[in-house]
Amino acid sequence: MPQTLQEAIDYAANPPPPPPLYGIEVFITISMHDEAGMVLVGAAYGLDPMFRPDLPLMHPDVVTFVGPGPTVTLGVQSVPGFSTRAGAGHATLGMIPIDFSVRRDPGNRWLGFLGGGPSVQIEIETLSAPAPAGTVTGGIKLEVAEDGALLRAVGPSLKDPANKASYTVTIFAHHHPG
């Protein structure tokens, strides 16, 4: 049964008793529907290494404030999430091999008035071949709206970036059956 992102993170960080003999397993479903009618459905899945207590974005936003005092540059911090990067799992979207990452960013309470509040971010990077042999050929970063266990976002289509697409993601973390 799908979990909210926070439920999946909490489960992966502290699995409930009894301790899993074979670790945890993470299964994420991904769908993309673009305005040209293209529909792609895929998944990201893996074991314990797919959960990262400190998951940085591959392409973080950097904010620079220039004022009368010193210039301050703030990057996005590492926070818990799930990723198939570095062979930690497998992911595809349709027939397209991808690396997939999703994480919850708690934001910065001091910069909330500038849009620095809590958010969920997804990165989908297209690969030239299935991981770990493939190299990154492109990708997108999406800001996500949470609707219960559904993560939803709108961004450029992975098939044709000139088109907009709607993405839906669900996550399920559980004891690996062995």
C-alpha atoms as a PDB file:
ATOM      1  CA  MET A   1       0.000   0.000   0.000  1.00  0.00           C
ATOM      2  CA  PRO A   2       1.492   3.417  -0.930  1.00  0.00           C
ATOM      3  CA  GLN A   3       2.843   5.581   1.857  1.00  0.00           C
ATOM      4  CA  THR A   4       3.316   9.305   2.147  1.00  0.00           C
ATOM      5  CA  LEU A   5       6.913  10.351   1.515  1.00  0.00           C
ATOM      6  CA  GLN A   6       7.380  11.049   5.230  1.00  0.00           C
ATOM      7  CA  GLU A   7       5.975   7.631   6.192  1.00  0.00           C
ATOM      8  CA  ALA A   8       8.376   5.927   3.752  1.00  0.00           C
ATOM      9  CA  ILE A   9      11.337   7.953   5.078  1.00  0.00           C
ATOM     10  CA  ASP A  10      10.385   7.160   8.697  1.00  0.00           C
ATOM     11  CA  TYR A  11      10.005   3.449   7.877  1.00  0.00           C
ATOM     12  CA  ALA A  12      13.355   3.279   6.060  1.00  0.00           C
ATOM     13  CA  ALA A  13      15.168   5.204   8.806  1.00  0.00           C
ATOM     14  CA  ASN A  14      13.672   3.139  11.662  1.00  0.00           C
ATOM     15  CA  PRO A  15      11.962  -0.065  10.468  1.00  0.00           C
ATOM     16  CA  PRO A  16       9.365  -1.310  12.975  1.00  0.00           C
ATOM     17  CA  PRO A  17      10.062  -4.491  14.954  1.00  0.00           C
ATOM     18  CA  PRO A  18      10.914  -7.204  14.334  1.00  0.00           C
ATOM     19  CA  PRO A  19      14.142  -6.070  12.652  1.00  0.00           C
ATOM     20  CA  PRO A  20      14.083  -7.000   8.980  1.00  0.00           C
ATOM     21  CA  LEU A  21      16.321 -10.041   8.365  1.00  0.00           C
ATOM     22  CA  TYR A  22      17.022  -8.981   4.794  1.00  0.00           C
ATOM     23  CA  GLY A  23      16.769  -5.205   5.135  1.00  0.00           C
ATOM     24  CA  ILE A  24      14.164  -2.985   3.575  1.00  0.00           C
ATOM     25  CA  GLU A  25      12.900  -2.837   0.028  1.00  0.00           C
ATOM     26  CA  VAL A  26      11.690   0.348  -1.650  1.00  0.00           C
ATOM     27  CA  PHE A  27       9.298   0.357  -4.608  1.00  0.00           C
ATOM     28  CA  ILE A  28       8.329   3.599  -6.354  1.00  0.00           C
ATOM     29  CA  THR A  29       5.899   3.847  -9.269  1.00  0.00           C
ATOM     30  CA  ILE A  30       6.305   6.723 -11.722  1.00  0.00           C
ATOM     31  CA  SER A  31       3.967   7.882 -14.480  1.00  0.00           C
ATOM     32  CA  MET A  32       4.314  10.687 -16.993  1.00  0.00           C
ATOM     33  CA  HIS A  33       1.465  12.008 -19.151  1.00  0.00           C
ATOM     34  CA  ASP A  34       2.485  14.729 -21.620  1.00  0.00           C
ATOM     35  CA  GLU A  35       0.340  17.172 -23.565  1.00  0.00           C
ATOM     36  CA  ALA A  36       1.134  15.417 -26.873  1.00  0.00           C
ATOM     37  CA  GLY A  37      -0.577  12.270 -25.566  1.00  0.00           C
ATOM     38  CA  MET A  38       2.570  10.338 -24.618  1.00  0.00           C
ATOM     39  CA  VAL A  39       2.100   8.167 -21.523  1.00  0.00           C
ATOM     40  CA  LEU A  40       5.063   6.487 -19.833  1.00  0.00           C
ATOM     41  CA  VAL A  41       4.848   4.274 -16.768  1.00  0.00           C
ATOM     42  CA  GLY A  42       7.841   2.980 -14.872  1.00  0.00           C
ATOM     43  CA  ALA A  43       9.321   2.199 -11.502  1.00  0.00           C
ATOM     44  CA  ALA A  44      12.312   2.724  -9.262  1.00  0.00           C
ATOM     45  CA  TYR A  45      13.165  -0.048  -6.855  1.00  0.00           C
ATOM     46  CA  GLY A  46      15.981  -1.171  -4.627  1.00  0.00           C
ATOM     47  CA  LEU A  47      17.086  -2.328  -1.205  1.00  0.00           C
ATOM     48  CA  ASP A  48      18.558  -0.507   1.827  1.00  0.00           C
ATOM     49  CA  PRO A  49      21.114   1.586  -0.119  1.00  0.00           C
ATOM     50  CA  MET A  50      18.265   3.307  -1.982  1.00  0.00           C
ATOM     51  CA  PHE A  51      17.390   5.149   1.249  1.00  0.00           C
ATOM     52  CA  ARG A  52      19.829   7.990   1.878  1.00  0.00           C
ATOM     53  CA  PRO A  53      19.770   9.801   5.232  1.00  0.00           C
ATOM     54  CA  ASP A  54      21.662  12.662   3.509  1.00  0.00           C
ATOM     55  CA  LEU A  55      20.497  12.945  -0.107  1.00  0.00           C
ATOM     56  CA  PRO A  56      21.829  16.030  -1.912  1.00  0.00           C
ATOM     57  CA  LEU A  57      20.276  17.117  -5.184  1.00  0.00           C
ATOM     58  CA  MET A  58      22.479  16.510  -8.225  1.00  0.00           C
ATOM     59  CA  HIS A  59      21.601  19.969  -9.565  1.00  0.00           C
ATOM     60  CA  PRO A  60      20.817  22.123  -6.527  1.00  0.00           C
ATOM     61  CA  ASP A  61      19.402  25.600  -6.693  1.00  0.00           C
ATOM     62  CA  VAL A  62      21.786  28.152  -5.266  1.00  0.00           C
ATOM     63  CA  VAL A  63      20.518  31.462  -3.938  1.00  0.00           C
ATOM     64  CA  THR A  64      22.878  34.433  -3.650  1.00  0.00           C
ATOM     65  CA  PHE A  65      22.002  37.525  -1.633  1.00  0.00           C
ATOM     66  CA  VAL A  66      23.964  40.664  -2.411  1.00  0.00           C
ATOM     67  CA  GLY A  67      23.453  43.594  -0.133  1.00  0.00           C
ATOM     68  CA  PRO A  68      25.245  46.329   1.708  1.00  0.00           C
ATOM     69  CA  GLY A  69      27.018  43.713   3.855  1.00  0.00           C
ATOM     70  CA  PRO A  70      28.797  40.559   2.776  1.00  0.00           C
ATOM     71  CA  THR A  71      27.445  38.450  -0.103  1.00  0.00           C
ATOM     72  CA  VAL A  72      25.742  35.299   1.173  1.00  0.00           C
ATOM     73  CA  THR A  73      25.264  32.168  -0.949  1.00  0.00           C
ATOM     74  CA  LEU A  74      22.893  29.466   0.259  1.00  0.00           C
ATOM     75  CA  GLY A  75      22.673  26.023  -1.288  1.00  0.00           C
ATOM     76  CA  VAL A  76      20.106  23.300  -0.761  1.00  0.00           C
ATOM     77  CA  GLN A  77      20.986  21.101   2.186  1.00  0.00           C
ATOM     78  CA  SER A  78      21.202  17.315   2.176  1.00  0.00           C
ATOM     79  CA  VAL A  79      18.069  15.712   3.660  1.00  0.00           C
ATOM     80  CA  PRO A  80      16.608  12.186   3.832  1.00  0.00           C
ATOM     81  CA  GLY A  81      15.250  10.670   0.634  1.00  0.00           C
ATOM     82  CA  PHE A  82      15.432   7.839  -1.870  1.00  0.00           C
ATOM     83  CA  SER A  83      17.677   7.548  -4.917  1.00  0.00           C
ATOM     84  CA  THR A  84      18.815   4.997  -7.486  1.00  0.00           C
ATOM     85  CA  ARG A  85      22.062   6.924  -8.106  1.00  0.00           C
ATOM     86  CA  ALA A  86      25.390   5.074  -7.972  1.00  0.00           C
ATOM     87  CA  GLY A  87      23.767   1.689  -8.533  1.00  0.00           C
ATOM     88  CA  ALA A  88      21.616   1.861  -5.377  1.00  0.00           C
ATOM     89  CA  GLY A  89      18.606   0.576  -7.319  1.00  0.00           C
ATOM     90  CA  HIS A  90      17.083   0.342 -10.772  1.00  0.00           C
ATOM     91  CA  ALA A  91      14.697   2.738 -12.489  1.00  0.00           C
ATOM     92  CA  THR A  92      12.938   3.087 -15.829  1.00  0.00           C
ATOM     93  CA  LEU A  93      10.228   5.318 -17.223  1.00  0.00           C
ATOM     94  CA  GLY A  94       8.652   3.344 -20.025  1.00  0.00           C
ATOM     95  CA  MET A  95      11.636   2.010 -21.951  1.00  0.00           C
ATOM     96  CA  ILE A  96      13.844   4.954 -20.903  1.00  0.00           C
ATOM     97  CA  PRO A  97      16.547   4.060 -18.333  1.00  0.00           C
ATOM     98  CA  ILE A  98      16.660   6.732 -15.628  1.00  0.00           C
ATOM     99  CA  ASP A  99      18.150   7.620 -12.266  1.00  0.00           C
ATOM    100  CA  PHE A 100      15.401   8.700  -9.884  1.00  0.00           C
ATOM    101  CA  SER A 101      15.647  10.696  -6.642  1.00  0.00           C
ATOM    102  CA  VAL A 102      12.963  12.025  -4.309  1.00  0.00           C
ATOM    103  CA  ARG A 103      13.451  13.896  -1.038  1.00  0.00           C
ATOM    104  CA  ARG A 104      11.669  16.155   1.401  1.00  0.00           C
ATOM    105  CA  ASP A 105      13.334  19.513   1.967  1.00  0.00           C
ATOM    106  CA  PRO A 106      12.219  21.063   5.263  1.00  0.00           C
ATOM    107  CA  GLY A 107      13.174  24.495   3.944  1.00  0.00           C
ATOM    108  CA  ASN A 108      14.696  27.277   5.957  1.00  0.00           C
ATOM    109  CA  ARG A 109      12.440  28.844   8.558  1.00  0.00           C
ATOM    110  CA  TRP A 110      14.344  32.130   8.271  1.00  0.00           C
ATOM    111  CA  LEU A 111      13.901  32.298   4.473  1.00  0.00           C
ATOM    112  CA  GLY A 112      10.292  31.075   4.298  1.00  0.00           C
ATOM    113  CA  PHE A 113       9.111  34.499   3.101  1.00  0.00           C
ATOM    114  CA  LEU A 114      11.378  34.094   0.020  1.00  0.00           C
ATOM    115  CA  GLY A 115       9.972  30.708  -0.950  1.00  0.00           C
ATOM    116  CA  GLY A 116      12.441  28.822   1.231  1.00  0.00           C
ATOM    117  CA  GLY A 117       9.702  26.810   2.947  1.00  0.00           C
ATOM    118  CA  PRO A 118       9.156  23.054   3.008  1.00  0.00           C
ATOM    119  CA  SER A 119       8.935  21.247  -0.314  1.00  0.00           C
ATOM    120  CA  VAL A 120       9.398  17.900  -2.028  1.00  0.00           C
ATOM    121  CA  GLN A 121      11.820  17.626  -4.917  1.00  0.00           C
ATOM    122  CA  ILE A 122      12.166  14.934  -7.567  1.00  0.00           C
ATOM    123  CA  GLU A 123      15.042  14.536 -10.009  1.00  0.00           C
ATOM    124  CA  ILE A 124      14.734  12.263 -13.021  1.00  0.00           C
ATOM    125  CA  GLU A 125      17.885  11.890 -15.093  1.00  0.00           C
ATOM    126  CA  THR A 126      17.769  10.024 -18.396  1.00  0.00           C
ATOM    127  CA  LEU A 127      20.605   7.573 -18.997  1.00  0.00           C
ATOM    128  CA  SER A 128      22.251   6.337 -22.207  1.00  0.00           C
ATOM    129  CA  ALA A 129      21.912   2.732 -20.944  1.00  0.00           C
ATOM    130  CA  PRO A 130      20.614   1.066 -17.786  1.00  0.00           C
ATOM    131  CA  ALA A 131      22.561   1.882 -14.626  1.00  0.00           C
ATOM    132  CA  PRO A 132      25.331   1.491 -13.665  1.00  0.00           C
ATOM    133  CA  ALA A 133      26.738   1.498 -17.246  1.00  0.00           C
ATOM    134  CA  GLY A 134      24.688   4.435 -18.529  1.00  0.00           C
ATOM    135  CA  THR A 135      25.775   8.046 -18.528  1.00  0.00           C
ATOM    136  CA  VAL A 136      23.441  10.994 -17.944  1.00  0.00           C
ATOM    137  CA  THR A 137      21.991  12.374 -21.194  1.00  0.00           C
ATOM    138  CA  GLY A 138      19.477  14.833 -19.754  1.00  0.00           C
ATOM    139  CA  GLY A 139      16.989  15.250 -16.977  1.00  0.00           C
ATOM    140  CA  ILE A 140      14.578  17.375 -15.027  1.00  0.00           C
ATOM    141  CA  LYS A 141      14.067  18.614 -11.479  1.00  0.00           C
ATOM    142  CA  LEU A 142      10.479  18.931 -10.290  1.00  0.00           C
ATOM    143  CA  GLU A 143       8.889  20.726  -7.342  1.00  0.00           C
ATOM    144  CA  VAL A 144       6.159  18.417  -6.085  1.00  0.00           C
ATOM    145  CA  ALA A 145       2.725  18.832  -4.516  1.00  0.00           C
ATOM    146  CA  GLU A 146       1.772  16.128  -2.024  1.00  0.00           C
ATOM    147  CA  ASP A 147      -1.764  14.759  -2.147  1.00  0.00           C
ATOM    148  CA  GLY A 148      -1.818  12.052   0.522  1.00  0.00           C
ATOM    149  CA  ALA A 149       0.328   9.200  -0.786  1.00  0.00           C
ATOM    150  CA  LEU A 150       0.496  10.763  -4.274  1.00  0.00           C
ATOM    151  CA  LEU A 151       3.342  13.055  -5.286  1.00  0.00           C
ATOM    152  CA  ARG A 152       2.326  15.179  -8.283  1.00  0.00           C
ATOM    153  CA  ALA A 153       4.300  17.602 -10.415  1.00  0.00           C
ATOM    154  CA  VAL A 154       4.184  19.389 -13.752  1.00  0.00           C
ATOM    155  CA  GLY A 155       7.316  19.987 -15.809  1.00  0.00           C
ATOM    156  CA  PRO A 156       8.917  19.374 -19.184  1.00  0.00           C
ATOM    157  CA  SER A 157       8.278  16.009 -20.832  1.00  0.00           C
ATOM    158  CA  LEU A 158      11.191  13.571 -20.729  1.00  0.00           C
ATOM    159  CA  LYS A 159      10.227  12.416 -24.229  1.00  0.00           C
ATOM    160  CA  ASP A 160      10.016  15.933 -25.756  1.00  0.00           C
ATOM    161  CA  PRO A 161      11.038  18.850 -23.466  1.00  0.00           C
ATOM    162  CA  ALA A 162       9.039  21.250 -25.676  1.00  0.00           C
ATOM    163  CA  ASN A 163       5.875  19.664 -24.232  1.00  0.00           C
ATOM    164  CA  LYS A 164       4.621  19.930 -20.656  1.00  0.00           C
ATOM    165  CA  ALA A 165       3.958  16.762 -18.715  1.00  0.00           C
ATOM    166  CA  SER A 166       2.230  15.690 -15.534  1.00  0.00           C
ATOM    167  CA  TYR A 167       4.111  13.290 -13.254  1.00  0.00           C
ATOM    168  CA  THR A 168       2.640  11.113 -10.491  1.00  0.00           C
ATOM    169  CA  VAL A 169       4.744   9.109  -8.028  1.00  0.00           C
ATOM    170  CA  THR A 170       3.850   6.656  -5.243  1.00  0.00           C
ATOM    171  CA  ILE A 171       6.248   5.097  -2.720  1.00  0.00           C
ATOM    172  CA  PHE A 172       6.161   1.888  -0.682  1.00  0.00           C
ATOM    173  CA  ALA A 173       8.937   0.858   1.749  1.00  0.00           C
ATOM    174  CA  HIS A 174       8.665  -2.503   3.536  1.00  0.00           C
ATOM    175  CA  HIS A 175      10.644  -5.404   4.994  1.00  0.00           C
ATOM    176  CA  HIS A 176      12.462  -7.266   2.211  1.00  0.00           C
ATOM    177  CA  PRO A 177      10.957 -10.770   2.133  1.00  0.00           C
ATOM    178  CA  GLY A 178      14.300 -12.471   1.511  1.00  0.00           C
END
